[in-house]
């Protein structure tokens, strides 16, 4: 025996029912979008718990009853992803742009200016990025040789 529900979902904070075709709130932070709130006040209660630095409540409208029932009848949504082992090595190399700067220029320039009272040439970022790539390649090989899939600080030694 299946009982028909007269509301869309319940508020994640106060558990009040959020009806169909009704305004509700969600957090703008992507990891919190699965939770819904009946009001901004309920959203405000979740914010300090989740320790968001700069976030806000986004106003949304729940689906109409007939649309929600169609979604339920369709079953759970499946997201298919390609297995990494099926991806060719050449396409992986294309993803990592070798010419991309890996160093935060403003941070390095500020550090050199504050500590040594010197300026920094723009060419330094390119050279350092190249060195970081070489160090990272060695660290990745060390982690792989130890059977790990996580590069750790000790791999850079």
Protein backbone atom coordinates (compact mmCIF):
# COMPACT_ATOMS: atom_id res chain seq x y z
CA UNK A 1 0.00 0.00 0.00
CA UNK A 2 1.55 3.28 -1.14
CA UNK A 3 0.68 6.52 0.66
CA UNK A 4 0.59 9.63 -1.52
CA UNK A 5 2.63 12.48 -0.12
CA UNK A 6 1.04 15.94 -0.06
CA UNK A 7 4.31 17.85 0.08
CA UNK A 8 7.49 17.96 -1.98
CA UNK A 9 10.20 17.64 0.71
CA UNK A 10 10.81 18.57 4.34
CA UNK A 11 13.00 21.43 5.53
CA UNK A 12 16.47 20.17 6.42
CA UNK A 13 16.51 22.26 9.61
CA UNK A 14 13.01 22.40 11.13
CA UNK A 15 11.44 19.45 9.22
CA UNK A 16 8.47 21.60 8.17
CA UNK A 17 6.85 20.37 4.96
CA UNK A 18 7.70 22.29 1.77
CA UNK A 19 4.73 22.02 -0.56
CA UNK A 20 4.61 21.58 -4.31
CA UNK A 21 5.11 24.71 -6.42
CA UNK A 22 6.34 26.60 -3.33
CA UNK A 23 9.29 28.93 -2.77
CA UNK A 24 12.16 27.40 -0.75
CA UNK A 25 15.82 28.21 -0.09
CA UNK A 26 19.04 26.37 -0.92
CA UNK A 27 22.63 27.19 -0.03
CA UNK A 28 24.76 28.55 -2.86
CA UNK A 29 27.66 26.24 -1.83
CA UNK A 30 27.66 23.28 -4.22
CA UNK A 31 28.13 20.64 -1.50
CA UNK A 32 25.06 21.91 0.36
CA UNK A 33 22.62 22.02 -2.57
CA UNK A 34 21.09 18.67 -1.58
CA UNK A 35 19.57 20.28 1.52
CA UNK A 36 16.49 22.50 1.28
CA UNK A 37 15.17 25.10 3.70
CA UNK A 38 11.66 26.44 4.15
CA UNK A 39 12.92 29.95 4.96
CA UNK A 40 16.03 32.10 5.11
CA UNK A 41 15.91 31.76 8.92
CA UNK A 42 16.28 27.97 8.64
CA UNK A 43 19.12 28.43 6.14
CA UNK A 44 20.80 30.84 8.60
CA UNK A 45 20.86 28.08 11.22
CA UNK A 46 22.85 25.78 8.91
CA UNK A 47 25.38 28.43 7.87
CA UNK A 48 27.50 28.63 11.08
CA UNK A 49 27.42 24.85 11.47
CA UNK A 50 28.84 24.32 7.98
CA UNK A 51 31.33 27.19 8.53
CA UNK A 52 30.84 28.81 5.13
CA UNK A 53 32.96 31.92 4.69
CA UNK A 54 30.82 33.77 2.17
CA UNK A 55 27.59 32.13 1.21
CA UNK A 56 23.98 33.06 0.66
CA UNK A 57 20.56 31.48 0.36
CA UNK A 58 19.21 31.09 -3.15
CA UNK A 59 15.48 31.22 -3.69
CA UNK A 60 14.05 28.30 -5.69
CA UNK A 61 10.58 26.97 -6.53
CA UNK A 62 9.66 23.36 -5.87
CA UNK A 63 8.22 21.37 -8.78
CA UNK A 64 4.53 20.96 -9.42
CA UNK A 65 3.01 17.78 -8.05
CA UNK A 66 2.60 16.16 -11.46
CA UNK A 67 6.22 16.94 -12.39
CA UNK A 68 7.52 15.55 -9.09
CA UNK A 69 5.52 12.34 -9.54
CA UNK A 70 6.93 11.90 -13.06
CA UNK A 71 10.46 12.20 -11.67
CA UNK A 72 9.76 9.61 -8.98
CA UNK A 73 8.22 7.21 -11.51
CA UNK A 74 11.24 7.58 -13.79
CA UNK A 75 13.43 6.20 -10.99
CA UNK A 76 16.81 7.36 -9.74
CA UNK A 77 18.98 9.35 -12.11
CA UNK A 78 22.13 7.57 -13.25
CA UNK A 79 25.29 9.46 -14.03
CA UNK A 80 27.71 7.46 -16.16
CA UNK A 81 31.38 8.31 -16.21
CA UNK A 82 34.17 6.93 -18.33
CA UNK A 83 36.65 4.65 -16.62
CA UNK A 84 40.06 6.32 -16.35
CA UNK A 85 41.79 3.14 -17.52
CA UNK A 86 39.96 3.44 -20.87
CA UNK A 87 41.32 6.93 -21.48
CA UNK A 88 44.32 6.95 -23.81
CA UNK A 89 47.65 8.28 -22.56
CA UNK A 90 47.78 10.89 -25.34
CA UNK A 91 44.47 12.44 -24.28
CA UNK A 92 45.69 12.61 -20.68
CA UNK A 93 48.82 14.45 -21.79
CA UNK A 94 46.66 16.91 -23.71
CA UNK A 95 44.73 17.76 -20.55
CA UNK A 96 47.83 18.88 -18.65
CA UNK A 97 48.93 22.06 -20.37
CA UNK A 98 52.70 22.01 -20.14
CA UNK A 99 52.99 25.74 -20.79
CA UNK A 100 50.62 26.70 -17.97
CA UNK A 101 52.06 28.72 -15.07
CA UNK A 102 51.71 26.78 -11.81
CA UNK A 103 53.06 29.48 -9.49
CA UNK A 104 50.90 32.24 -8.04
CA UNK A 105 52.87 35.19 -9.35
CA UNK A 106 51.43 37.80 -7.01
CA UNK A 107 52.23 35.72 -3.92
CA UNK A 108 55.81 35.01 -4.97
CA UNK A 109 56.45 38.62 -6.00
CA UNK A 110 55.05 39.87 -2.68
CA UNK A 111 57.18 37.37 -0.72
CA UNK A 112 60.39 38.44 -2.50
CA UNK A 113 59.50 42.12 -2.10
CA UNK A 114 58.68 41.81 1.62
CA UNK A 115 61.56 39.54 2.60
CA UNK A 116 64.38 40.75 0.32
CA UNK A 117 63.12 44.14 -0.98
CA UNK A 118 63.66 43.04 -4.59
CA UNK A 119 61.50 42.89 -7.71
CA UNK A 120 60.73 39.70 -9.64
CA UNK A 121 60.93 39.20 -13.40
CA UNK A 122 57.91 37.64 -15.15
CA UNK A 123 60.18 34.92 -16.62
CA UNK A 124 60.74 33.52 -13.12
CA UNK A 125 57.21 32.04 -13.02
CA UNK A 126 57.85 29.99 -16.18
CA UNK A 127 61.15 28.57 -14.88
CA UNK A 128 59.67 27.77 -11.46
CA UNK A 129 56.64 26.09 -13.03
CA UNK A 130 58.99 23.89 -15.06
CA UNK A 131 60.93 22.97 -11.90
CA UNK A 132 57.69 22.22 -10.03
CA UNK A 133 56.62 19.90 -12.87
CA UNK A 134 59.93 18.00 -12.72
CA UNK A 135 59.76 17.68 -8.93
CA UNK A 136 56.15 16.52 -9.19
CA UNK A 137 57.01 13.90 -11.82
CA UNK A 138 59.63 12.45 -9.46
CA UNK A 139 57.19 12.56 -6.52
CA UNK A 140 54.47 10.79 -8.55
CA UNK A 141 56.91 8.06 -9.62
CA UNK A 142 57.99 7.57 -5.99
CA UNK A 143 54.36 7.27 -4.84
CA UNK A 144 53.61 4.80 -7.67
CA UNK A 145 56.67 2.71 -6.82
CA UNK A 146 55.36 2.43 -3.26
CA UNK A 147 51.95 1.35 -4.57
CA UNK A 148 50.12 4.53 -3.57
CA UNK A 149 47.70 6.70 -5.52
CA UNK A 150 48.28 9.69 -3.26
CA UNK A 151 51.30 11.95 -3.60
CA UNK A 152 52.52 12.93 -0.14
CA UNK A 153 54.95 15.50 1.20
CA UNK A 154 57.61 12.82 1.77
CA UNK A 155 57.59 12.07 -1.99
CA UNK A 156 59.11 15.51 -2.66
CA UNK A 157 62.17 14.87 -0.48
